[in-house]
């Protein structure tokens, strides 16, 4: 009598689409949790002054778990910078030739000031990276940021050539918009010491916005030729 053969091994059970989606949401939530903690730690201590142990403690995860998502402190630091750069650049991406230039620039100015109010840690971290020579973010600046600014500079030149905006160097305009709005995040302590208020005060926010509009936007109105 022949011996019965062993049953074939069962194939690993594949998780259902719902389970896969649930797992993906958990991964994304954990990454966001770690990135949020890293932003706080890096903005206070910088790359070299911060440690993964500090980030793990802040994120309420083990260091081993943190390293599952980010293999090194440098990788985590660059991920934080890329995330905040994408957030900051999102309103600039909406610039288009068919917009009213003064309305577009006024909306961009408000948006940038709101970001300085709501995301001061991100602004301070970016400033710190620039002061140090952008050792880890320089490829992003020379690549995606450079291309985006070139593209939007062409939009601004189109507005100027059509007589819809006063002649101005597009790059200097961008630098001025960034510098004046981010000042209220990067030098928040100084602003509060001198004015007794910050952008968290709605009345002060409106006062600052009106002042910047007068300085920057009203000066861009087309000049009469003749």
C-alpha atoms as a PDB file:
ATOM      1  CA  UNK A   1       0.000   0.000   0.000  1.00  0.00           C
ATOM      2  CA  UNK A   2       1.537   3.342  -1.083  1.00  0.00           C
ATOM      3  CA  UNK A   3       2.081   6.043   1.486  1.00  0.00           C
ATOM      4  CA  UNK A   4      -0.057   9.137   0.987  1.00  0.00           C
ATOM      5  CA  UNK A   5       1.964  12.171  -0.115  1.00  0.00           C
ATOM      6  CA  UNK A   6       2.158  15.221   2.137  1.00  0.00           C
ATOM      7  CA  UNK A   7      -0.345  17.959   1.276  1.00  0.00           C
ATOM      8  CA  UNK A   8       1.164  20.875  -0.667  1.00  0.00           C
ATOM      9  CA  UNK A   9       2.149  23.851   1.510  1.00  0.00           C
ATOM     10  CA  UNK A  10      -0.419  26.566   1.745  1.00  0.00           C
ATOM     11  CA  UNK A  11       0.325  29.836   0.051  1.00  0.00           C
ATOM     12  CA  UNK A  12       0.724  32.801   2.412  1.00  0.00           C
ATOM     13  CA  UNK A  13      -2.578  34.507   2.862  1.00  0.00           C
ATOM     14  CA  UNK A  14      -2.621  37.889   1.180  1.00  0.00           C
ATOM     15  CA  UNK A  15      -4.043  40.748   3.259  1.00  0.00           C
ATOM     16  CA  UNK A  16      -7.279  42.204   1.984  1.00  0.00           C
ATOM     17  CA  UNK A  17      -7.278  45.605   0.221  1.00  0.00           C
ATOM     18  CA  UNK A  18      -8.941  47.111   3.294  1.00  0.00           C
ATOM     19  CA  UNK A  19      -6.197  45.723   5.532  1.00  0.00           C
ATOM     20  CA  UNK A  20      -3.520  47.035   3.167  1.00  0.00           C
ATOM     21  CA  UNK A  21      -5.074  50.492   3.189  1.00  0.00           C
ATOM     22  CA  UNK A  22      -5.327  50.418   6.969  1.00  0.00           C
ATOM     23  CA  UNK A  23      -1.656  49.444   7.197  1.00  0.00           C
ATOM     24  CA  UNK A  24      -0.667  52.236   4.803  1.00  0.00           C
ATOM     25  CA  UNK A  25      -2.577  54.804   6.878  1.00  0.00           C
ATOM     26  CA  UNK A  26      -0.796  53.583  10.001  1.00  0.00           C
ATOM     27  CA  UNK A  27       2.583  53.949   8.296  1.00  0.00           C
ATOM     28  CA  UNK A  28       1.770  57.460   7.077  1.00  0.00           C
ATOM     29  CA  UNK A  29       0.489  58.477  10.523  1.00  0.00           C
ATOM     30  CA  UNK A  30       3.644  57.178  12.183  1.00  0.00           C
ATOM     31  CA  UNK A  31       5.872  58.982   9.685  1.00  0.00           C
ATOM     32  CA  UNK A  32       3.943  62.211  10.249  1.00  0.00           C
ATOM     33  CA  UNK A  33       4.275  61.758  14.002  1.00  0.00           C
ATOM     34  CA  UNK A  34       8.043  61.340  13.712  1.00  0.00           C
ATOM     35  CA  UNK A  35       8.419  64.233  11.267  1.00  0.00           C
ATOM     36  CA  UNK A  36       6.465  66.534  13.570  1.00  0.00           C
ATOM     37  CA  UNK A  37       8.675  65.646  16.525  1.00  0.00           C
ATOM     38  CA  UNK A  38      11.824  66.026  14.403  1.00  0.00           C
ATOM     39  CA  UNK A  39      10.747  69.480  13.254  1.00  0.00           C
ATOM     40  CA  UNK A  40      10.387  70.630  16.850  1.00  0.00           C
ATOM     41  CA  UNK A  41      13.735  69.173  17.925  1.00  0.00           C
ATOM     42  CA  UNK A  42      15.712  70.290  14.861  1.00  0.00           C
ATOM     43  CA  UNK A  43      14.293  73.826  14.960  1.00  0.00           C
ATOM     44  CA  UNK A  44      15.457  74.172  18.567  1.00  0.00           C
ATOM     45  CA  UNK A  45      18.816  72.400  18.472  1.00  0.00           C
ATOM     46  CA  UNK A  46      19.810  72.219  14.810  1.00  0.00           C
ATOM     47  CA  UNK A  47      21.044  69.114  13.042  1.00  0.00           C
ATOM     48  CA  UNK A  48      24.222  68.678  15.040  1.00  0.00           C
ATOM     49  CA  UNK A  49      22.746  69.591  18.422  1.00  0.00           C
ATOM     50  CA  UNK A  50      19.781  67.225  18.083  1.00  0.00           C
ATOM     51  CA  UNK A  51      19.807  63.475  18.594  1.00  0.00           C
ATOM     52  CA  UNK A  52      17.593  60.647  17.403  1.00  0.00           C
ATOM     53  CA  UNK A  53      16.968  59.785  21.048  1.00  0.00           C
ATOM     54  CA  UNK A  54      15.418  63.231  21.560  1.00  0.00           C
ATOM     55  CA  UNK A  55      13.242  62.824  18.470  1.00  0.00           C
ATOM     56  CA  UNK A  56      12.130  59.327  19.490  1.00  0.00           C
ATOM     57  CA  UNK A  57      11.212  60.547  22.963  1.00  0.00           C
ATOM     58  CA  UNK A  58       9.270  63.487  21.545  1.00  0.00           C
ATOM     59  CA  UNK A  59       7.479  61.231  19.033  1.00  0.00           C
ATOM     60  CA  UNK A  60       6.735  58.634  21.713  1.00  0.00           C
ATOM     61  CA  UNK A  61       8.341  55.822  19.709  1.00  0.00           C
ATOM     62  CA  UNK A  62      11.368  53.643  20.302  1.00  0.00           C
ATOM     63  CA  UNK A  63      14.616  54.573  18.564  1.00  0.00           C
ATOM     64  CA  UNK A  64      14.476  51.199  16.799  1.00  0.00           C
ATOM     65  CA  UNK A  65      11.020  52.020  15.479  1.00  0.00           C
ATOM     66  CA  UNK A  66      12.187  55.442  14.345  1.00  0.00           C
ATOM     67  CA  UNK A  67      15.085  53.887  12.420  1.00  0.00           C
ATOM     68  CA  UNK A  68      12.605  51.605  10.631  1.00  0.00           C
ATOM     69  CA  UNK A  69      11.175  54.728   8.963  1.00  0.00           C
ATOM     70  CA  UNK A  70      14.343  56.835   8.673  1.00  0.00           C
ATOM     71  CA  UNK A  71      17.743  55.161   8.511  1.00  0.00           C
ATOM     72  CA  UNK A  72      19.748  58.096   9.897  1.00  0.00           C
ATOM     73  CA  UNK A  73      19.472  61.505  11.503  1.00  0.00           C
ATOM     74  CA  UNK A  74      20.545  63.135   8.233  1.00  0.00           C
ATOM     75  CA  UNK A  75      17.831  61.339   6.261  1.00  0.00           C
ATOM     76  CA  UNK A  76      15.217  62.455   8.784  1.00  0.00           C
ATOM     77  CA  UNK A  77      16.514  66.039   8.699  1.00  0.00           C
ATOM     78  CA  UNK A  78      16.344  66.207   4.898  1.00  0.00           C
ATOM     79  CA  UNK A  79      12.818  64.717   4.950  1.00  0.00           C
ATOM     80  CA  UNK A  80      11.697  67.493   7.318  1.00  0.00           C
ATOM     81  CA  UNK A  81      13.267  70.183   5.121  1.00  0.00           C
ATOM     82  CA  UNK A  82      11.738  68.773   1.945  1.00  0.00           C
ATOM     83  CA  UNK A  83       8.312  68.668   3.556  1.00  0.00           C
ATOM     84  CA  UNK A  84       8.433  72.266   4.718  1.00  0.00           C
ATOM     85  CA  UNK A  85       9.861  73.447   1.376  1.00  0.00           C
ATOM     86  CA  UNK A  86       6.947  71.793  -0.440  1.00  0.00           C
ATOM     87  CA  UNK A  87       4.498  73.481   1.943  1.00  0.00           C
ATOM     88  CA  UNK A  88       6.042  76.907   1.475  1.00  0.00           C
ATOM     89  CA  UNK A  89       6.180  76.667  -2.299  1.00  0.00           C
ATOM     90  CA  UNK A  90       2.610  75.452  -2.798  1.00  0.00           C
ATOM     91  CA  UNK A  91       1.047  78.967  -3.048  1.00  0.00           C
ATOM     92  CA  UNK A  92       3.748  80.102  -5.479  1.00  0.00           C
ATOM     93  CA  UNK A  93       2.863  77.264  -7.844  1.00  0.00           C
ATOM     94  CA  UNK A  94      -0.556  78.853  -8.470  1.00  0.00           C
ATOM     95  CA  UNK A  95       0.900  81.937 -10.212  1.00  0.00           C
ATOM     96  CA  UNK A  96      -0.311  82.066 -13.827  1.00  0.00           C
ATOM     97  CA  UNK A  97      -0.280  84.626 -16.617  1.00  0.00           C
ATOM     98  CA  UNK A  98      -4.072  84.942 -16.732  1.00  0.00           C
ATOM     99  CA  UNK A  99      -4.310  86.130 -13.110  1.00  0.00           C
ATOM    100  CA  UNK A 100      -4.520  89.767 -12.126  1.00  0.00           C
ATOM    101  CA  UNK A 101      -0.916  90.371 -10.983  1.00  0.00           C
ATOM    102  CA  UNK A 102      -1.721  92.627  -8.021  1.00  0.00           C
ATOM    103  CA  UNK A 103      -4.376  90.227  -6.758  1.00  0.00           C
ATOM    104  CA  UNK A 104      -2.020  87.272  -7.181  1.00  0.00           C
ATOM    105  CA  UNK A 105       0.831  88.994  -5.335  1.00  0.00           C
ATOM    106  CA  UNK A 106      -1.477  90.297  -2.613  1.00  0.00           C
ATOM    107  CA  UNK A 107      -2.826  86.792  -2.037  1.00  0.00           C
ATOM    108  CA  UNK A 108       0.693  85.373  -1.985  1.00  0.00           C
ATOM    109  CA  UNK A 109       1.807  87.980   0.545  1.00  0.00           C
ATOM    110  CA  UNK A 110      -1.090  87.120   2.853  1.00  0.00           C
ATOM    111  CA  UNK A 111      -0.441  83.411   2.489  1.00  0.00           C
ATOM    112  CA  UNK A 112       3.245  83.816   3.332  1.00  0.00           C
ATOM    113  CA  UNK A 113       2.415  85.904   6.390  1.00  0.00           C
ATOM    114  CA  UNK A 114      -0.106  83.289   7.522  1.00  0.00           C
ATOM    115  CA  UNK A 115       2.565  80.620   7.212  1.00  0.00           C
ATOM    116  CA  UNK A 116       4.955  82.700   9.331  1.00  0.00           C
ATOM    117  CA  UNK A 117       2.201  82.932  11.918  1.00  0.00           C
ATOM    118  CA  UNK A 118       1.167  79.279  11.832  1.00  0.00           C
ATOM    119  CA  UNK A 119       4.494  77.545  11.093  1.00  0.00           C
ATOM    120  CA  UNK A 120       7.237  79.545  12.837  1.00  0.00           C
ATOM    121  CA  UNK A 121       9.295  76.448  13.668  1.00  0.00           C
ATOM    122  CA  UNK A 122       9.492  75.490   9.984  1.00  0.00           C
ATOM    123  CA  UNK A 123      10.643  78.983   9.051  1.00  0.00           C
ATOM    124  CA  UNK A 124      13.320  79.041  11.758  1.00  0.00           C
ATOM    125  CA  UNK A 125      14.625  75.625  10.723  1.00  0.00           C
ATOM    126  CA  UNK A 126      14.858  76.668   7.081  1.00  0.00           C
ATOM    127  CA  UNK A 127      16.646  79.872   8.104  1.00  0.00           C
ATOM    128  CA  UNK A 128      19.104  77.874  10.193  1.00  0.00           C
ATOM    129  CA  UNK A 129      19.870  75.594   7.249  1.00  0.00           C
ATOM    130  CA  UNK A 130      20.488  78.604   4.971  1.00  0.00           C
ATOM    131  CA  UNK A 131      22.777  80.318   7.507  1.00  0.00           C
ATOM    132  CA  UNK A 132      24.860  77.152   7.678  1.00  0.00           C
ATOM    133  CA  UNK A 133      25.286  77.120   3.899  1.00  0.00           C
ATOM    134  CA  UNK A 134      22.473  74.646   3.117  1.00  0.00           C
ATOM    135  CA  UNK A 135      24.812  71.622   3.377  1.00  0.00           C
ATOM    136  CA  UNK A 136      21.992  69.106   2.987  1.00  0.00           C
ATOM    137  CA  UNK A 137      19.362  71.122   1.097  1.00  0.00           C
ATOM    138  CA  UNK A 138      21.562  72.683  -1.578  1.00  0.00           C
ATOM    139  CA  UNK A 139      20.623  70.094  -4.263  1.00  0.00           C
ATOM    140  CA  UNK A 140      16.936  70.959  -3.722  1.00  0.00           C
ATOM    141  CA  UNK A 141      17.684  74.691  -4.025  1.00  0.00           C
ATOM    142  CA  UNK A 142      19.685  74.207  -7.211  1.00  0.00           C
ATOM    143  CA  UNK A 143      17.136  71.817  -8.681  1.00  0.00           C
ATOM    144  CA  UNK A 144      13.389  71.962  -8.021  1.00  0.00           C
ATOM    145  CA  UNK A 145      13.361  75.394  -6.330  1.00  0.00           C
ATOM    146  CA  UNK A 146      15.544  76.947  -9.027  1.00  0.00           C
ATOM    147  CA  UNK A 147      13.290  75.610 -11.784  1.00  0.00           C
ATOM    148  CA  UNK A 148      10.115  76.800 -10.065  1.00  0.00           C
ATOM    149  CA  UNK A 149      11.439  80.312  -9.465  1.00  0.00           C
ATOM    150  CA  UNK A 150      12.624  80.567 -13.073  1.00  0.00           C
ATOM    151  CA  UNK A 151       9.153  79.541 -14.232  1.00  0.00           C
ATOM    152  CA  UNK A 152       7.398  82.122 -12.040  1.00  0.00           C
ATOM    153  CA  UNK A 153       9.924  84.809 -12.998  1.00  0.00           C
ATOM    154  CA  UNK A 154       8.760  84.321 -16.587  1.00  0.00           C
ATOM    155  CA  UNK A 155       5.152  84.847 -15.453  1.00  0.00           C
ATOM    156  CA  UNK A 156       6.097  88.091 -13.693  1.00  0.00           C
ATOM    157  CA  UNK A 157       8.012  89.316 -16.764  1.00  0.00           C
ATOM    158  CA  UNK A 158       4.925  88.579 -18.894  1.00  0.00           C
ATOM    159  CA  UNK A 159       2.839  90.773 -16.572  1.00  0.00           C
ATOM    160  CA  UNK A 160       5.448  93.542 -16.832  1.00  0.00           C
ATOM    161  CA  UNK A 161       5.719  93.306 -20.639  1.00  0.00           C
ATOM    162  CA  UNK A 162       1.925  93.563 -20.881  1.00  0.00           C
ATOM    163  CA  UNK A 163       1.958  96.756 -18.811  1.00  0.00           C
ATOM    164  CA  UNK A 164       0.088  95.089 -15.961  1.00  0.00           C
ATOM    165  CA  UNK A 165       2.891  95.469 -13.419  1.00  0.00           C
ATOM    166  CA  UNK A 166       5.571  98.076 -12.764  1.00  0.00           C
ATOM    167  CA  UNK A 167       9.049  97.089 -13.988  1.00  0.00           C
ATOM    168  CA  UNK A 168      10.806  95.096 -11.275  1.00  0.00           C
ATOM    169  CA  UNK A 169      13.336  92.299 -11.191  1.00  0.00           C
ATOM    170  CA  UNK A 170      11.275  89.133 -10.506  1.00  0.00           C
ATOM    171  CA  UNK A 171      13.945  87.540  -8.317  1.00  0.00           C
ATOM    172  CA  UNK A 172      14.379  90.631  -6.143  1.00  0.00           C
ATOM    173  CA  UNK A 173      10.614  90.792  -5.774  1.00  0.00           C
ATOM    174  CA  UNK A 174      10.497  87.188  -4.563  1.00  0.00           C
ATOM    175  CA  UNK A 175      13.375  87.767  -2.145  1.00  0.00           C
ATOM    176  CA  UNK A 176      11.616  90.834  -0.712  1.00  0.00           C
ATOM    177  CA  UNK A 177       8.347  88.971  -0.225  1.00  0.00           C
ATOM    178  CA  UNK A 178      10.131  86.114   1.535  1.00  0.00           C
ATOM    179  CA  UNK A 179      12.307  88.330   3.710  1.00  0.00           C
ATOM    180  CA  UNK A 180       9.561  90.620   4.968  1.00  0.00           C
ATOM    181  CA  UNK A 181       7.058  87.885   5.781  1.00  0.00           C
ATOM    182  CA  UNK A 182       9.466  85.337   7.266  1.00  0.00           C
ATOM    183  CA  UNK A 183      10.997  88.030   9.475  1.00  0.00           C
ATOM    184  CA  UNK A 184       7.939  87.709  11.745  1.00  0.00           C
ATOM    185  CA  UNK A 185       8.726  84.029  12.311  1.00  0.00           C
ATOM    186  CA  UNK A 186      12.538  84.021  12.336  1.00  0.00           C
ATOM    187  CA  UNK A 187      12.772  87.135  14.555  1.00  0.00           C
ATOM    188  CA  UNK A 188       9.567  86.568  16.472  1.00  0.00           C
ATOM    189  CA  UNK A 189      11.232  87.272  19.834  1.00  0.00           C
ATOM    190  CA  UNK A 190      12.566  90.600  18.572  1.00  0.00           C
ATOM    191  CA  UNK A 191       9.198  91.593  17.106  1.00  0.00           C
ATOM    192  CA  UNK A 192       7.469  90.811  20.400  1.00  0.00           C
ATOM    193  CA  UNK A 193      10.118  92.664  22.418  1.00  0.00           C
ATOM    194  CA  UNK A 194       9.774  95.802  20.299  1.00  0.00           C
ATOM    195  CA  UNK A 195       6.046  95.770  19.507  1.00  0.00           C
ATOM    196  CA  UNK A 196       4.666  93.788  22.426  1.00  0.00           C
ATOM    197  CA  UNK A 197       2.689  91.644  19.989  1.00  0.00           C
ATOM    198  CA  UNK A 198       3.087  88.794  17.494  1.00  0.00           C
ATOM    199  CA  UNK A 199       1.151  87.636  14.449  1.00  0.00           C
ATOM    200  CA  UNK A 200      -1.002  85.546  16.784  1.00  0.00           C
ATOM    201  CA  UNK A 201      -2.771  88.830  17.607  1.00  0.00           C
ATOM    202  CA  UNK A 202      -5.344  89.245  14.784  1.00  0.00           C
ATOM    203  CA  UNK A 203      -5.211  93.045  14.974  1.00  0.00           C
ATOM    204  CA  UNK A 204      -1.420  93.024  14.701  1.00  0.00           C
ATOM    205  CA  UNK A 205      -1.561  90.540  11.814  1.00  0.00           C
ATOM    206  CA  UNK A 206      -3.895  92.857   9.889  1.00  0.00           C
ATOM    207  CA  UNK A 207      -1.687  95.855  10.710  1.00  0.00           C
ATOM    208  CA  UNK A 208       1.420  94.079   9.417  1.00  0.00           C
ATOM    209  CA  UNK A 209      -0.372  92.885   6.286  1.00  0.00           C
ATOM    210  CA  UNK A 210      -1.623  96.387   5.443  1.00  0.00           C
ATOM    211  CA  UNK A 211       1.864  97.798   5.944  1.00  0.00           C
ATOM    212  CA  UNK A 212       3.492  95.200   3.690  1.00  0.00           C
ATOM    213  CA  UNK A 213       0.827  95.694   1.032  1.00  0.00           C
ATOM    214  CA  UNK A 214       1.566  99.426   1.041  1.00  0.00           C
ATOM    215  CA  UNK A 215       5.315  98.873   0.831  1.00  0.00           C
ATOM    216  CA  UNK A 216       5.370  96.020  -1.664  1.00  0.00           C
ATOM    217  CA  UNK A 217       2.113  95.693  -3.581  1.00  0.00           C
ATOM    218  CA  UNK A 218       1.107  99.335  -4.073  1.00  0.00           C
ATOM    219  CA  UNK A 219       4.601 100.039  -5.375  1.00  0.00           C
ATOM    220  CA  UNK A 220       4.031  97.503  -8.143  1.00  0.00           C
ATOM    221  CA  UNK A 221       1.079  99.266  -9.732  1.00  0.00           C
ATOM    222  CA  UNK A 222       1.721 100.050 -13.427  1.00  0.00           C
ATOM    223  CA  UNK A 223       3.153 103.506 -14.094  1.00  0.00           C
ATOM    224  CA  UNK A 224       1.489 105.815 -16.586  1.00  0.00           C
ATOM    225  CA  UNK A 225       3.603 106.148 -19.673  1.00  0.00           C
ATOM    226  CA  UNK A 226       3.870 109.317 -21.643  1.00  0.00           C
END
